[in-house]
Amino acid sequence: MQKKIIALAVAGLVSGAAFAQGSNVTVYGIVDMGYQYSWDNVQNKAKSMSEVKSGGLDGSRVGVKGVEDLGNGLKAEFDATWAFGSDYNSTVTMGEGSSVALAGNFGKVRAGYFGTFLDDNTGVDASGRHGMINSGSLYGTGKYENFVAYISPNFSGFTAKAGFASNVGEGLAVDVAPLVGTGIANTRAYTAALSYENGPIKAGAAYATYRGQEASGYLGNNKSSSDWNAGVSYNFGVATVSLFGAQQKKGDAALPKTGYLGANYDKNTFWALGVQAPIGANDTIKAGYGRSKLKGVGAHSDDTANAWDIVYLHSLIKRTTAYAMYGNLNVDNVDTTAAQTTYQQAFNVGLRHTF
């Protein structure tokens, strides 16, 4: 009863029309708090760090979403999710995205600010690719602003996606992984993906290409930057095993990419192997290994990094999970001026509650 009252109050602030006949509004979220000890900094004389930390397993957030039946098989959907740090008086932002959608027998059309198809596809990796230091730290995705996407119905396990973002960064610093730190106006993204899920098999592939454009036309030599990833996982019952690969390529000099330690590069090739196994009814163990290889110029012409982690999850009750994890990151040719706070080993314990 209390949850319904909260849902009505929050959704009422979002839109008075949300409670039209046939609507369904839900409040949801995550609060994640833990303790982290980090050591082995890339700076030889840097001391270890001990901290109470939010978001060790998942970022804390609160959101509201709703569905309204429009009749004739059509439904209107909306979602808005705010991110926050649960360990201090943080600024609440729309960092987790917001969108509206129209769904029916034709599939779904969604518009707003939300995760890329590349980001969706990382779910293929059984290790989860999350934690304080992990195989996923060597390869990042992101969200698109001004994004409109089409998601097809499910055809015998297959789902196709296509999308376009007219300006992935609103002319500000772009947070999409292939374009991190750029401030190019009208950086356009064209993207597509295909996924398959049937029984123990899950697989997917996604591709995106980017072009920076200003009022006078395309920048530089009119080459595009690109990003693709693909993965497959199989559930053997006793364990789920996955293989994941990706590549990010810089095209135009006006569209630089930023490496995991702040080094500009021309190409980043990444792959990861993951395994996840249940231990009894309430416990799960995850492990992952990843390797990233950069191609660039000058001092960073051939950089590599390896990372592995192990995560233990224990379900206390349905919505509360205790976790412990260890991660190890090993890099070469470190740009220390950009990596003064990069620790190569860390241990984290915490508690995550979902609602």
Protein backbone atom coordinates (compact mmCIF):
# COMPACT_ATOMS: atom_id res chain seq x y z
CA MET A 1 0.00 0.00 0.00
CA GLN A 2 2.80 2.40 0.92
CA LYS A 3 4.59 1.74 -2.39
CA LYS A 4 1.39 2.57 -4.33
CA ILE A 5 1.03 5.87 -2.44
CA ILE A 6 4.66 6.81 -3.23
CA ALA A 7 4.15 5.90 -6.88
CA LEU A 8 1.08 8.11 -7.10
CA ALA A 9 2.88 11.04 -5.48
CA VAL A 10 6.01 10.88 -7.67
CA ALA A 11 4.18 10.20 -10.90
CA GLY A 12 1.79 13.03 -10.12
CA LEU A 13 4.73 15.42 -10.09
CA VAL A 14 5.85 14.08 -13.48
CA SER A 15 2.51 14.31 -15.23
CA GLY A 16 -1.07 14.77 -14.15
CA ALA A 17 -2.12 12.82 -17.23
CA ALA A 18 -0.26 9.72 -16.09
CA PHE A 19 -3.33 8.42 -14.31
CA ALA A 20 -5.68 8.23 -17.24
CA GLN A 21 -7.84 5.15 -17.33
CA GLY A 22 -5.81 2.03 -18.03
CA SER A 23 -2.47 3.48 -16.92
CA ASN A 24 0.05 1.68 -14.73
CA VAL A 25 2.77 3.63 -12.90
CA THR A 26 5.69 2.11 -10.97
CA VAL A 27 8.40 3.63 -8.78
CA TYR A 28 11.65 1.68 -8.73
CA GLY A 29 15.27 2.14 -7.78
CA ILE A 30 18.56 0.92 -6.31
CA VAL A 31 20.49 1.97 -3.22
CA ASP A 32 24.02 0.57 -3.12
CA MET A 33 26.54 1.20 -0.33
CA GLY A 34 29.81 -0.47 0.57
CA TYR A 35 33.43 -0.25 1.66
CA GLN A 36 36.37 -0.29 -0.78
CA TYR A 37 40.10 -0.68 -0.21
CA SER A 38 42.33 0.16 -3.21
CA TRP A 39 46.09 -0.23 -3.62
CA ASP A 40 48.87 -0.64 -6.21
CA ASN A 41 48.49 2.80 -7.77
CA VAL A 42 50.23 3.52 -11.09
CA GLN A 43 52.11 6.26 -9.24
CA ASN A 44 54.87 4.45 -7.35
CA LYS A 45 54.69 6.63 -4.23
CA ALA A 46 50.89 6.85 -4.02
CA LYS A 47 49.39 5.46 -0.83
CA SER A 48 46.53 2.98 -0.65
CA MET A 49 43.00 4.33 -0.30
CA SER A 50 40.22 3.31 2.06
CA GLU A 51 36.71 4.67 1.56
CA VAL A 52 33.02 4.19 2.15
CA LYS A 53 31.68 4.11 -1.37
CA SER A 54 28.35 4.20 -3.18
CA GLY A 55 27.70 2.10 -6.26
CA GLY A 56 30.18 -0.72 -5.79
CA LEU A 57 27.93 -3.19 -7.60
CA ASP A 58 25.33 -0.91 -9.23
CA GLY A 59 24.84 2.83 -9.30
CA SER A 60 22.19 4.17 -6.92
CA ARG A 61 19.12 5.54 -8.69
CA VAL A 62 15.40 6.20 -8.41
CA GLY A 63 12.95 6.18 -11.27
CA VAL A 64 9.33 6.22 -12.30
CA LYS A 65 7.88 4.41 -15.32
CA GLY A 66 4.44 3.90 -16.71
CA VAL A 67 2.36 2.18 -19.38
CA GLU A 68 -1.03 3.26 -20.69
CA ASP A 69 -3.26 1.14 -22.90
CA LEU A 70 -4.41 3.21 -25.89
CA GLY A 71 -6.58 0.48 -27.39
CA ASN A 72 -6.27 -1.40 -30.68
CA GLY A 73 -3.09 -3.07 -29.43
CA LEU A 74 -1.25 0.23 -28.87
CA LYS A 75 0.48 1.25 -25.64
CA ALA A 76 2.18 4.46 -24.57
CA GLU A 77 5.20 4.12 -22.27
CA PHE A 78 7.41 6.53 -20.37
CA ASP A 79 10.35 6.30 -17.98
CA ALA A 80 12.52 8.78 -16.09
CA THR A 81 15.42 7.68 -13.88
CA TRP A 82 17.56 9.89 -11.65
CA ALA A 83 21.07 8.90 -10.57
CA PHE A 84 22.59 9.89 -7.22
CA GLY A 85 25.43 9.02 -4.87
CA SER A 86 24.10 7.42 -1.71
CA ASP A 87 27.25 8.15 0.30
CA TYR A 88 27.03 11.97 0.29
CA ASN A 89 24.66 14.86 -0.43
CA SER A 90 25.01 14.43 -4.17
CA THR A 91 23.30 16.30 -6.98
CA VAL A 92 20.51 14.22 -8.44
CA THR A 93 20.75 14.09 -12.25
CA MET A 94 18.90 12.43 -15.11
CA GLY A 95 22.04 10.39 -15.73
CA GLU A 96 20.20 7.10 -16.04
CA GLY A 97 17.99 8.37 -18.86
CA SER A 98 14.45 9.29 -19.78
CA SER A 99 12.24 8.46 -22.75
CA VAL A 100 8.77 8.00 -24.17
CA ALA A 101 7.69 5.14 -26.42
CA LEU A 102 4.81 3.86 -28.54
CA ALA A 103 4.49 0.07 -28.67
CA GLY A 104 2.25 -2.28 -30.61
CA ASN A 105 2.22 -5.30 -32.88
CA PHE A 106 4.73 -3.46 -35.10
CA GLY A 107 7.29 -3.35 -32.28
CA LYS A 108 8.33 -0.23 -30.38
CA VAL A 109 9.49 3.29 -31.24
CA ARG A 110 11.38 4.97 -28.39
CA ALA A 111 12.72 8.53 -28.16
CA GLY A 112 14.77 10.41 -25.55
CA TYR A 113 18.04 9.90 -23.69
CA PHE A 114 18.84 6.24 -23.03
CA GLY A 115 21.42 3.47 -23.40
CA THR A 116 22.90 2.66 -26.79
CA PHE A 117 22.44 -0.66 -28.55
CA LEU A 118 26.12 -1.24 -27.81
CA ASP A 119 25.37 -0.80 -24.12
CA ASP A 120 22.39 -3.17 -24.31
CA ASN A 121 24.56 -5.80 -25.97
CA THR A 122 27.03 -5.96 -23.07
CA GLY A 123 24.37 -7.96 -21.21
CA VAL A 124 25.48 -10.96 -23.24
CA ASP A 125 28.59 -11.18 -21.06
CA ALA A 126 27.82 -13.60 -18.22
CA SER A 127 30.34 -12.00 -15.86
CA GLY A 128 28.20 -8.86 -15.83
CA ARG A 129 31.14 -6.59 -16.67
CA HIS A 130 30.52 -4.40 -13.65
CA GLY A 131 32.31 -3.71 -10.39
CA MET A 132 34.99 -1.29 -9.22
CA ILE A 133 37.76 -2.80 -11.40
CA ASN A 134 36.68 -5.33 -14.00
CA SER A 135 37.05 -6.55 -17.54
CA GLY A 136 34.46 -3.96 -18.56
CA SER A 137 36.66 -1.09 -17.34
CA LEU A 138 38.75 -1.48 -20.51
CA TYR A 139 35.80 -0.91 -22.82
CA GLY A 140 32.92 1.49 -22.25
CA THR A 141 29.66 2.34 -23.94
CA GLY A 142 27.20 5.05 -22.99
CA LYS A 143 23.88 6.74 -23.70
CA TYR A 144 22.73 8.85 -26.64
CA GLU A 145 20.99 12.17 -26.30
CA ASN A 146 18.41 13.14 -28.94
CA PHE A 147 18.01 9.44 -29.70
CA VAL A 148 15.13 7.76 -31.54
CA ALA A 149 15.13 3.98 -31.91
CA TYR A 150 13.00 1.24 -33.42
CA ILE A 151 12.86 -2.20 -31.76
CA SER A 152 11.19 -4.98 -33.72
CA PRO A 153 8.92 -7.67 -32.29
CA ASN A 154 10.50 -10.95 -31.27
CA PHE A 155 10.68 -13.38 -34.20
CA SER A 156 11.50 -16.86 -32.89
CA GLY A 157 14.11 -15.39 -30.55
CA PHE A 158 15.44 -12.73 -32.95
CA THR A 159 15.07 -8.97 -32.31
CA ALA A 160 16.32 -6.21 -34.63
CA LYS A 161 17.03 -2.59 -33.71
CA ALA A 162 17.79 0.56 -35.67
CA GLY A 163 18.35 4.10 -34.43
CA PHE A 164 19.55 7.63 -35.08
CA ALA A 165 20.82 10.36 -32.73
CA SER A 166 20.89 13.86 -34.21
CA ASN A 167 23.33 15.15 -31.55
CA VAL A 168 24.76 12.64 -29.11
CA GLY A 169 26.30 15.32 -26.89
CA GLU A 170 24.20 18.47 -27.39
CA GLY A 171 27.42 20.25 -28.42
CA LEU A 172 28.88 19.60 -24.96
CA ALA A 173 31.45 17.01 -23.83
CA VAL A 174 30.20 13.71 -25.25
CA ASP A 175 29.83 10.80 -22.80
CA VAL A 176 29.54 8.10 -25.47
CA ALA A 177 32.65 5.91 -25.20
CA PRO A 178 34.00 6.35 -28.75
CA LEU A 179 33.71 10.12 -28.45
CA VAL A 180 34.41 10.81 -24.77
CA GLY A 181 35.52 14.36 -24.13
CA THR A 182 34.68 15.80 -27.53
CA GLY A 183 32.61 18.96 -27.88
CA ILE A 184 31.61 18.70 -31.54
CA ALA A 185 28.24 20.23 -32.35
CA ASN A 186 25.77 17.88 -34.07
CA THR A 187 27.74 14.69 -33.59
CA ARG A 188 25.38 12.30 -35.30
CA ALA A 189 25.10 8.58 -34.60
CA TYR A 190 23.69 5.88 -36.88
CA THR A 191 23.29 2.52 -35.19
CA ALA A 192 21.79 -0.96 -35.60
CA ALA A 193 21.77 -4.24 -33.68
CA LEU A 194 20.55 -7.82 -33.90
CA SER A 195 20.05 -10.08 -30.89
CA TYR A 196 18.99 -13.69 -30.35
CA GLU A 197 17.78 -15.37 -27.18
CA ASN A 198 16.33 -18.87 -27.02
CA GLY A 199 16.69 -21.29 -24.13
CA PRO A 200 20.30 -21.44 -22.92
CA ILE A 201 21.67 -19.38 -25.83
CA LYS A 202 22.00 -15.61 -25.85
CA ALA A 203 23.83 -13.72 -28.61
CA GLY A 204 23.97 -10.24 -30.08
CA ALA A 205 25.87 -7.85 -32.32
CA ALA A 206 25.69 -4.04 -32.51
CA TYR A 207 27.26 -1.36 -34.69
CA ALA A 208 27.39 2.45 -34.61
CA THR A 209 29.04 5.08 -36.76
CA TYR A 210 29.56 8.75 -35.82
CA ARG A 211 29.96 11.95 -37.83
CA GLY A 212 30.71 15.39 -36.45
CA GLN A 213 28.82 18.10 -38.30
CA GLU A 214 28.61 21.86 -37.93
CA ALA A 215 26.54 24.41 -39.79
CA SER A 216 29.06 24.59 -42.65
CA GLY A 217 28.95 20.83 -43.22
CA TYR A 218 30.96 17.80 -42.20
CA LEU A 219 34.21 18.41 -40.34
CA GLY A 220 37.71 17.50 -41.42
CA ASN A 221 38.09 14.85 -44.08
CA ASN A 222 34.52 13.60 -43.72
CA LYS A 223 35.58 10.25 -42.27
CA SER A 224 33.46 8.65 -39.59
CA SER A 225 34.34 7.02 -36.29
CA SER A 226 32.83 3.62 -35.63
CA ASP A 227 32.14 1.18 -32.83
CA TRP A 228 30.95 -2.43 -32.90
CA ASN A 229 30.62 -5.26 -30.41
CA ALA A 230 29.36 -8.84 -30.41
CA GLY A 231 28.92 -11.53 -27.81
CA VAL A 232 27.51 -14.96 -27.13
CA SER A 233 26.73 -16.85 -23.92
CA TYR A 234 25.51 -20.37 -23.18
CA ASN A 235 23.93 -21.67 -19.98
CA PHE A 236 25.18 -25.19 -19.25
CA GLY A 237 23.07 -25.41 -16.10
CA VAL A 238 25.98 -25.63 -13.68
CA ALA A 239 27.47 -22.45 -15.16
CA THR A 240 26.98 -19.85 -17.89
CA VAL A 241 29.98 -19.07 -20.09
CA SER A 242 30.33 -16.08 -22.40
CA LEU A 243 32.67 -14.56 -24.96
CA PHE A 244 32.52 -10.87 -25.86
CA GLY A 245 34.49 -8.74 -28.35
CA ALA A 246 34.49 -5.10 -29.47
CA GLN A 247 36.40 -2.57 -31.54
CA GLN A 248 36.36 1.24 -31.58
CA LYS A 249 37.94 3.07 -34.52
CA LYS A 250 38.65 6.77 -34.87
CA GLY A 251 38.06 8.24 -38.30
CA ASP A 252 38.17 12.04 -38.36
CA ALA A 253 40.84 13.84 -36.34
CA ALA A 254 38.06 16.11 -35.10
CA LEU A 255 36.47 13.13 -33.36
CA PRO A 256 39.13 11.91 -30.92
CA LYS A 257 38.63 8.92 -28.70
CA THR A 258 39.88 8.74 -25.14
CA GLY A 259 41.53 5.58 -23.82
CA TYR A 260 41.03 3.99 -20.42
CA LEU A 261 43.96 6.07 -19.08
CA GLY A 262 43.27 9.26 -20.96
CA ALA A 263 45.49 8.51 -23.99
CA ASN A 264 44.22 9.40 -27.46
CA TYR A 265 44.21 6.42 -29.81
CA ASP A 266 43.15 5.42 -33.31
CA LYS A 267 41.78 1.97 -32.50
CA ASN A 268 40.82 0.02 -29.39
CA THR A 269 40.34 -3.73 -29.69
CA PHE A 270 38.78 -5.45 -26.67
CA TRP A 271 37.69 -8.98 -25.79
CA ALA A 272 36.44 -10.61 -22.59
CA LEU A 273 35.66 -14.07 -21.26
CA GLY A 274 33.13 -14.52 -18.47
CA VAL A 275 31.66 -17.27 -16.32
CA GLN A 276 28.77 -17.22 -13.85
CA ALA A 277 27.75 -20.10 -11.59
CA PRO A 278 25.00 -20.48 -8.96
CA ILE A 279 26.05 -21.90 -5.59
CA GLY A 280 22.92 -23.17 -3.92
CA ALA A 281 19.68 -21.20 -3.94
CA ASN A 282 20.96 -17.84 -2.70
CA ASP A 283 24.56 -17.50 -3.88
CA THR A 284 26.24 -16.72 -7.19
CA ILE A 285 29.87 -16.35 -8.19
CA LYS A 286 31.02 -14.42 -11.27
CA ALA A 287 34.46 -14.12 -12.82
CA GLY A 288 35.71 -12.27 -15.86
CA TYR A 289 38.89 -11.61 -17.78
CA GLY A 290 39.39 -8.88 -20.39
CA ARG A 291 42.15 -7.53 -22.60
CA SER A 292 42.33 -4.19 -24.40
CA LYS A 293 44.86 -3.22 -27.07
CA LEU A 294 45.25 0.37 -28.25
CA LYS A 295 46.68 1.57 -31.54
CA GLY A 296 47.72 5.22 -31.64
CA VAL A 297 50.64 7.49 -32.22
CA GLY A 298 53.78 8.49 -30.33
CA ALA A 299 54.15 7.16 -26.81
CA HIS A 300 50.84 5.29 -27.02
CA SER A 301 51.29 3.49 -30.33
CA ASP A 302 50.90 -0.01 -28.89
CA ASP A 303 49.41 0.04 -25.37
CA THR A 304 47.76 -2.98 -23.77
CA ALA A 305 45.86 -3.62 -20.55
CA ASN A 306 44.54 -6.75 -18.86
CA ALA A 307 41.93 -6.98 -16.13
CA TRP A 308 40.25 -9.73 -14.20
CA ASP A 309 37.79 -9.79 -11.36
CA ILE A 310 35.79 -12.13 -9.18
CA VAL A 311 32.41 -11.24 -7.64
CA TYR A 312 30.45 -13.10 -4.97
CA LEU A 313 26.73 -12.37 -4.50
CA HIS A 314 24.50 -13.54 -1.64
CA SER A 315 20.75 -12.88 -1.66
CA LEU A 316 19.65 -12.02 1.86
CA ILE A 317 16.05 -11.58 0.77
CA LYS A 318 14.37 -11.09 -2.61
CA ARG A 319 15.51 -7.46 -3.09
CA THR A 320 18.64 -7.25 -0.91
CA THR A 321 22.01 -8.62 -2.00
CA ALA A 322 25.31 -8.66 -0.13
CA TYR A 323 28.43 -8.68 -2.30
CA ALA A 324 32.20 -9.01 -2.15
CA MET A 325 34.59 -8.53 -5.05
CA TYR A 326 38.23 -8.30 -5.96
CA GLY A 327 39.61 -6.73 -9.14
CA ASN A 328 43.06 -6.57 -10.70
CA LEU A 329 44.05 -4.19 -13.51
CA ASN A 330 47.44 -4.35 -15.20
CA VAL A 331 48.48 -1.68 -17.72
CA ASP A 332 51.62 -0.87 -19.64
CA ASN A 333 53.00 2.42 -20.97
CA VAL A 334 50.94 4.36 -18.44
CA ASP A 335 50.25 8.05 -19.01
CA THR A 336 50.68 8.93 -15.34
CA THR A 337 49.60 12.53 -15.80
CA ALA A 338 46.15 11.25 -16.73
CA ALA A 339 46.07 8.35 -14.31
CA GLN A 340 47.16 9.68 -10.92
CA THR A 341 44.15 8.13 -9.22
CA THR A 342 44.24 4.81 -11.07
CA TYR A 343 44.59 1.91 -8.63
CA GLN A 344 45.37 -1.47 -10.12
CA GLN A 345 43.94 -3.60 -7.31
CA ALA A 346 40.85 -3.17 -5.16
CA PHE A 347 38.60 -5.09 -2.79
CA ASN A 348 35.00 -4.12 -2.16
CA VAL A 349 32.19 -5.35 0.11
CA GLY A 350 28.70 -3.89 0.27
CA LEU A 351 24.95 -4.15 0.21
CA ARG A 352 22.57 -3.45 -2.67
CA HIS A 353 18.83 -3.01 -2.20
CA THR A 354 16.37 -2.76 -5.07
CA PHE A 355 12.80 -1.53 -4.81
